[in-house]
Protein backbone atom coordinates (compact mmCIF):
# COMPACT_ATOMS: atom_id res chain seq x y z
CA MET A 1 1.03 17.51 -19.24
CA THR A 2 -1.22 16.45 -22.15
CA ALA A 3 -4.18 18.51 -23.16
CA GLY A 4 -6.47 15.57 -22.62
CA ILE A 5 -5.30 15.15 -18.94
CA ALA A 6 -5.13 18.89 -18.39
CA ALA A 7 -8.75 19.32 -19.38
CA LYS A 8 -9.75 16.91 -16.66
CA VAL A 9 -7.96 18.70 -13.83
CA GLY A 10 -9.78 21.55 -12.13
CA ASP A 11 -8.61 24.30 -10.05
CA ARG A 12 -7.08 22.97 -6.78
CA GLU A 13 -9.44 25.00 -4.55
CA ALA A 14 -12.52 24.35 -6.70
CA THR A 15 -11.87 20.55 -6.44
CA ALA A 16 -11.31 20.77 -2.72
CA ALA A 17 -14.64 22.54 -2.30
CA ARG A 18 -16.57 19.77 -4.25
CA LEU A 19 -14.69 17.22 -2.30
CA LEU A 20 -15.48 18.70 1.12
CA LYS A 21 -19.10 19.04 -0.03
CA SER A 22 -19.36 15.52 -1.03
CA SER A 23 -17.73 14.27 2.11
CA LEU A 24 -20.59 16.07 4.09
CA ASP A 25 -23.23 14.53 1.98
CA HIS A 26 -21.84 11.08 1.49
CA SER A 27 -19.76 9.72 4.47
CA TYR A 28 -20.28 6.79 6.80
CA GLU A 29 -19.56 6.00 10.26
CA PRO A 30 -18.74 2.32 10.11
CA SER A 31 -19.09 1.72 14.05
CA ILE A 32 -22.82 2.71 13.62
CA ASP A 33 -23.49 1.99 9.96
CA ILE A 34 -22.41 -1.72 10.13
CA ASP A 35 -24.20 -4.31 12.13
CA TRP A 36 -21.29 -5.81 13.96
CA ASP A 37 -23.47 -8.09 16.01
CA ALA A 38 -24.74 -9.98 12.98
CA PRO A 39 -23.03 -13.30 12.47
CA LEU A 40 -21.44 -14.28 9.34
CA VAL A 41 -23.91 -16.15 6.94
CA ASP A 42 -23.34 -19.78 6.29
CA GLY A 43 -22.69 -20.65 2.62
CA LEU A 44 -21.55 -17.18 1.58
CA TRP A 45 -17.97 -16.11 0.42
CA GLY A 46 -15.68 -13.55 1.81
CA VAL A 47 -14.59 -12.61 -1.76
CA PRO A 48 -16.20 -13.83 -4.99
CA GLU A 49 -15.13 -17.42 -5.64
CA HIS A 50 -13.22 -16.64 -8.80
CA ARG A 51 -11.12 -14.11 -6.84
CA VAL A 52 -9.77 -16.55 -4.41
CA SER A 53 -6.09 -17.03 -5.07
CA LEU A 54 -5.92 -20.81 -5.58
CA TYR A 55 -9.05 -20.87 -7.81
CA GLY A 56 -8.53 -23.11 -10.84
CA THR A 57 -5.46 -24.78 -9.36
CA ASP A 58 -5.06 -28.46 -8.35
CA LEU A 59 -4.92 -27.45 -4.83
CA TRP A 60 -8.26 -25.73 -5.15
CA ASP A 61 -9.61 -28.96 -6.30
CA THR A 62 -8.55 -30.75 -3.15
CA LEU A 63 -10.63 -28.47 -0.89
CA SER A 64 -14.13 -29.02 0.28
CA ASP A 65 -16.77 -26.33 -0.59
CA GLU A 66 -16.52 -25.26 3.24
CA GLN A 67 -12.86 -25.02 3.04
CA LYS A 68 -13.00 -22.91 -0.16
CA ARG A 69 -15.32 -20.33 1.52
CA THR A 70 -13.12 -20.41 4.64
CA LEU A 71 -10.11 -19.50 2.65
CA SER A 72 -12.12 -16.75 0.91
CA ILE A 73 -12.82 -15.21 4.40
CA HIS A 74 -9.11 -15.41 5.27
CA GLU A 75 -8.26 -13.84 1.97
CA LEU A 76 -10.66 -11.03 2.51
CA CYS A 77 -9.07 -10.13 5.92
CA SER A 78 -5.69 -10.41 4.42
CA ILE A 79 -6.53 -7.89 1.82
CA ALA A 80 -8.16 -5.63 4.46
CA ARG A 81 -5.02 -5.98 6.69
CA ILE A 82 -2.61 -4.90 3.86
CA GLY A 83 -4.88 -2.01 3.17
CA LEU A 84 -4.87 -1.00 6.99
CA TRP A 85 -1.13 -1.24 6.99
CA PHE A 86 -0.87 1.24 4.00
CA GLU A 87 -3.70 3.52 5.28
CA MET A 88 -1.52 4.17 8.42
CA ILE A 89 1.48 5.03 6.11
CA LEU A 90 -0.82 7.30 4.02
CA MET A 91 -2.17 9.19 7.16
CA GLN A 92 1.52 9.83 8.16
CA MET A 93 2.35 11.12 4.65
CA LEU A 94 -0.69 13.40 4.46
CA LEU A 95 -0.06 14.71 7.92
CA ARG A 96 3.54 15.61 6.80
CA TYR A 97 2.11 17.01 3.58
CA SER A 98 -0.33 19.28 5.49
CA TYR A 99 2.16 20.42 8.30
CA ASP A 100 3.97 22.40 5.67
CA ARG A 101 1.02 24.06 4.09
CA ASP A 102 -1.66 26.65 4.68
CA PRO A 103 -4.48 25.00 6.71
CA ARG A 104 -6.73 27.80 5.51
CA SER A 105 -7.00 26.45 2.07
CA GLY A 106 -9.67 23.99 1.19
CA HIS A 107 -7.03 21.78 -0.32
CA ILE A 108 -5.26 21.18 3.07
CA GLN A 109 -8.75 20.98 4.88
CA TYR A 110 -9.61 18.12 2.42
CA ALA A 111 -6.31 16.45 3.10
CA LEU A 112 -7.44 16.52 6.92
CA VAL A 113 -10.64 15.11 5.96
CA GLU A 114 -9.03 12.41 4.11
CA ILE A 115 -6.94 11.50 7.12
CA ALA A 116 -10.15 11.23 9.26
CA ASP A 117 -11.72 8.90 6.49
CA GLU A 118 -8.64 6.75 6.67
CA CYS A 119 -8.61 6.55 10.33
CA ARG A 120 -12.29 5.27 10.25
CA HIS A 121 -11.28 2.91 7.39
CA SER A 122 -8.46 1.45 9.46
CA ILE A 123 -10.81 0.81 12.56
CA MET A 124 -13.38 -0.78 10.13
CA PHE A 125 -10.89 -3.18 8.64
CA ALA A 126 -9.56 -3.89 12.16
CA LYS A 127 -13.07 -4.69 13.50
CA MET A 128 -13.91 -6.86 10.43
CA ASN A 129 -10.83 -8.91 10.95
CA ALA A 130 -11.61 -9.47 14.68
CA HIS A 131 -15.37 -10.21 13.90
CA CYS A 132 -14.15 -12.95 11.23
CA GLY A 133 -11.98 -14.49 13.98
CA VAL A 134 -8.96 -14.68 11.85
CA PRO A 135 -5.28 -14.22 12.84
CA ASP A 136 -3.62 -10.89 12.52
CA TYR A 137 -2.29 -11.11 8.86
CA ARG A 138 0.14 -8.32 9.42
CA PRO A 139 2.89 -7.89 6.81
CA ARG A 140 6.11 -9.63 7.38
CA ARG A 141 8.69 -7.79 9.30
CA ILE A 142 10.79 -6.95 6.19
CA VAL A 143 7.80 -5.37 4.57
CA HIS A 144 6.64 -3.61 7.67
CA GLU A 145 10.10 -2.05 7.99
CA LEU A 146 9.94 -1.17 4.24
CA GLY A 147 6.84 0.69 5.08
CA ARG A 148 8.89 2.86 7.40
CA GLY A 149 11.12 3.87 4.70
CA PHE A 150 8.49 4.64 2.21
CA LYS A 151 6.60 6.87 4.32
CA ALA A 152 9.89 8.67 5.17
CA LEU A 153 11.15 9.04 1.69
CA ALA A 154 7.96 9.31 -0.27
CA SER A 155 6.59 12.86 -0.87
CA GLY A 156 5.05 14.64 -3.86
CA PRO A 157 4.59 12.41 -6.91
CA ALA A 158 5.66 9.26 -5.00
CA MET A 159 3.13 9.79 -2.17
CA PHE A 160 0.26 10.35 -4.53
CA ALA A 161 1.23 7.67 -7.11
CA GLY A 162 1.68 5.12 -4.32
CA THR A 163 -1.54 6.05 -2.73
CA LEU A 164 -3.33 5.67 -5.98
CA PHE A 165 -1.95 2.16 -6.62
CA VAL A 166 -3.17 0.80 -3.30
CA GLU A 167 -6.48 2.67 -3.32
CA GLU A 168 -7.39 1.86 -6.99
CA ILE A 169 -6.62 -1.97 -6.97
CA LEU A 170 -8.60 -2.32 -3.58
CA ASP A 171 -11.31 -0.22 -5.33
CA GLN A 172 -11.58 -2.60 -8.44
CA LEU A 173 -11.79 -5.76 -6.19
CA GLN A 174 -14.25 -4.07 -3.97
CA ARG A 175 -16.68 -2.68 -6.56
CA GLU A 176 -17.07 -6.09 -7.94
CA ALA A 177 -17.68 -7.78 -4.56
CA MET A 178 -20.09 -5.31 -3.16
CA ARG A 179 -22.46 -6.01 -5.90
CA ASP A 180 -22.18 -9.83 -5.64
CA GLU A 181 -24.93 -11.56 -3.74
CA THR A 182 -22.86 -14.68 -3.07
CA VAL A 183 -20.53 -12.66 -0.88
CA GLN A 184 -21.12 -12.04 2.78
CA PRO A 185 -23.28 -9.00 3.78
CA LEU A 186 -20.48 -7.85 5.96
CA THR A 187 -18.20 -7.74 3.03
CA ARG A 188 -20.57 -5.89 0.79
CA MET A 189 -21.20 -3.17 3.34
CA VAL A 190 -17.44 -2.76 4.27
CA ASN A 191 -16.79 -2.48 0.47
CA LYS A 192 -19.60 0.02 -0.12
CA ILE A 193 -18.28 2.27 2.57
CA HIS A 194 -14.79 2.14 1.31
CA VAL A 195 -15.59 2.42 -2.39
CA THR A 196 -17.79 5.51 -1.72
CA GLU A 197 -15.33 7.31 0.32
CA GLU A 198 -12.08 6.27 -1.56
CA ALA A 199 -13.52 7.64 -4.88
CA ARG A 200 -12.98 11.18 -3.47
CA HIS A 201 -9.45 10.20 -2.37
CA VAL A 202 -8.70 8.90 -5.82
CA ARG A 203 -9.72 12.09 -7.58
CA TYR A 204 -7.77 14.20 -5.09
CA ALA A 205 -4.54 12.22 -5.62
CA ARG A 206 -4.92 11.96 -9.45
CA GLU A 207 -5.55 15.69 -9.90
CA GLU A 208 -2.67 16.64 -7.55
CA LEU A 209 -0.30 14.28 -9.38
CA VAL A 210 -1.26 15.75 -12.78
CA ARG A 211 -0.55 19.18 -11.33
CA ILE A 212 2.85 18.42 -9.89
CA MET A 213 4.45 16.25 -12.49
CA PRO A 214 5.29 18.97 -14.92
CA ARG A 215 7.03 20.88 -12.25
CA ILE A 216 9.53 18.15 -10.89
CA SER A 217 13.12 17.67 -11.95
CA THR A 218 14.45 14.54 -13.79
CA ALA A 219 15.95 13.27 -10.56
CA GLN A 220 12.62 13.66 -8.76
CA ARG A 221 10.76 11.89 -11.43
CA ALA A 222 13.29 9.02 -11.40
CA LEU A 223 13.00 8.61 -7.55
CA ALA A 224 9.09 8.72 -7.90
CA ASN A 225 9.16 6.08 -10.60
CA TYR A 226 11.30 3.80 -8.47
CA LEU A 227 9.33 4.27 -5.30
CA THR A 228 5.99 3.80 -7.13
CA ALA A 229 7.16 0.54 -8.54
CA ARG A 230 8.70 -0.66 -5.24
CA ILE A 231 5.46 -0.11 -3.31
CA ALA A 232 3.36 -1.66 -6.13
CA TYR A 233 5.47 -4.73 -6.21
CA VAL A 234 5.47 -5.08 -2.37
CA VAL A 235 1.76 -4.58 -2.04
CA ALA A 236 0.81 -7.07 -4.82
CA LYS A 237 3.08 -9.71 -3.44
CA ASN A 238 1.72 -9.39 0.05
CA LEU A 239 -1.95 -8.82 -0.76
CA ILE A 240 -2.62 -12.45 0.11
CA HIS A 241 -0.54 -13.41 3.31
CA CYS A 242 1.09 -16.80 2.92
CA ASP A 243 -0.45 -17.83 6.35
CA VAL A 244 -4.01 -17.81 5.09
CA TYR A 245 -3.55 -21.15 3.54
CA ALA A 246 -2.96 -22.77 7.05
CA SER A 247 -6.63 -22.11 7.76
CA VAL A 248 -7.54 -24.89 5.27
CA GLY A 249 -4.58 -27.34 6.08
CA ILE A 250 -2.28 -26.26 3.28
CA ASP A 251 1.42 -25.62 4.13
CA PRO A 252 1.79 -21.79 3.75
CA ALA A 253 4.79 -21.97 1.45
CA VAL A 254 3.00 -24.55 -0.99
CA GLY A 255 -0.12 -22.42 -1.02
CA TYR A 256 1.78 -19.14 -1.56
CA ARG A 257 3.90 -20.63 -4.39
CA ALA A 258 0.75 -22.28 -6.11
CA ALA A 259 -1.16 -18.87 -5.91
CA GLN A 260 1.72 -16.84 -7.27
CA ALA A 261 2.02 -19.31 -10.29
CA ASN A 262 -1.79 -19.36 -10.91
CA PRO A 263 -2.76 -17.75 -14.14
CA HIS A 264 -6.26 -16.81 -12.71
CA HIS A 265 -4.59 -14.96 -9.76
CA GLN A 266 -2.09 -13.25 -12.06
CA GLU A 267 -4.81 -12.14 -14.34
CA MET A 268 -6.76 -10.77 -11.38
CA MET A 269 -3.78 -8.63 -10.45
CA ARG A 270 -3.66 -7.21 -13.99
CA TRP A 271 -7.37 -6.75 -13.99
CA SER A 272 -7.40 -4.78 -10.66
CA ALA A 273 -4.55 -2.39 -12.01
CA ARG A 274 -6.03 -2.00 -15.66
CA LYS A 275 -7.32 1.49 -15.13
CA LEU A 276 -4.38 2.91 -13.17
CA VAL A 277 -1.53 1.55 -15.33
CA PRO A 278 -2.22 3.69 -18.43
CA PHE A 279 -2.56 6.84 -16.21
CA LEU A 280 0.76 6.26 -14.48
CA ARG A 281 2.48 5.58 -17.72
CA GLU A 282 1.19 8.90 -19.12
CA GLN A 283 2.41 10.68 -16.04
CA GLY A 284 6.03 8.90 -16.63
CA LEU A 285 5.81 6.81 -13.54
CA ILE A 286 5.83 3.37 -15.24
CA GLY A 287 8.63 2.70 -17.71
CA GLY A 288 12.20 2.10 -18.00
CA PRO A 289 14.28 -0.24 -15.65
CA THR A 290 11.73 -0.37 -12.91
CA GLU A 291 8.98 -1.87 -15.08
CA VAL A 292 10.51 -5.23 -14.29
CA LEU A 293 8.88 -4.91 -10.92
CA TRP A 294 5.43 -4.28 -12.41
CA ARG A 295 5.85 -7.44 -14.58
CA LYS A 296 7.12 -9.57 -11.60
CA ALA A 297 4.03 -8.56 -9.64
CA HIS A 298 1.78 -9.39 -12.73
CA LEU A 299 0.51 -5.83 -12.76
CA VAL A 300 1.33 -5.22 -16.58
């Protein structure tokens, strides 16, 4: 552990006390705090225009303004759906983590609070997708089954690093969108809730990762390095479901290939991971043979 990182990490129970207090003061109930009866606003985007996966491509130029905004709504819901999928994985991992530890500690009580937060977030994402009237952009079967393996194998550093990857790339995208007045009010409110509460989850995971990394074996580090790279690759490649392109009359395979080859989309992925990658490198969780997965996913 470097001195710079160590200086940022507080006592585990002191951190938990602050996070528990913040949870009492700054939490939401999406079922109440979002107006689910309000219709989507004509002329507004699901995500900022320049974050739509086909932005800047020849295919993009063939779409009408209405089709472009429709695609942005479907991509918003695809991102939320992969987030929901991983939050279900995270809740199971946190429950397993808590099961073996002393529930009297603030550290574990905060883990239980985080599980409650993630449960509300999952419902919020599900309600948003239903409200937008999109298909269920669930991960493909192979990805769904890989999730079973990850939640069964990932513990300790892999659990916290994988969690950080999903939470921090979503955080970057949502922080930008929640301040963008060209974006739907529903998007902005969902993002505001998620950003506010995920900031605590990120701090919890970052600090715990720094605490445990010096104590793990070489074999555990290698496994964590691999599992983190694998979940990063899978999530990045499935952030935008191939079927979203059918919503605007584009063959899903054609649309997906165009998006994956799109320099704007590739740069967006690197931008979303720009704060996390240096941190994971410092912890020894990016580097070596598995870095090829990060590069293939356009994250480094």
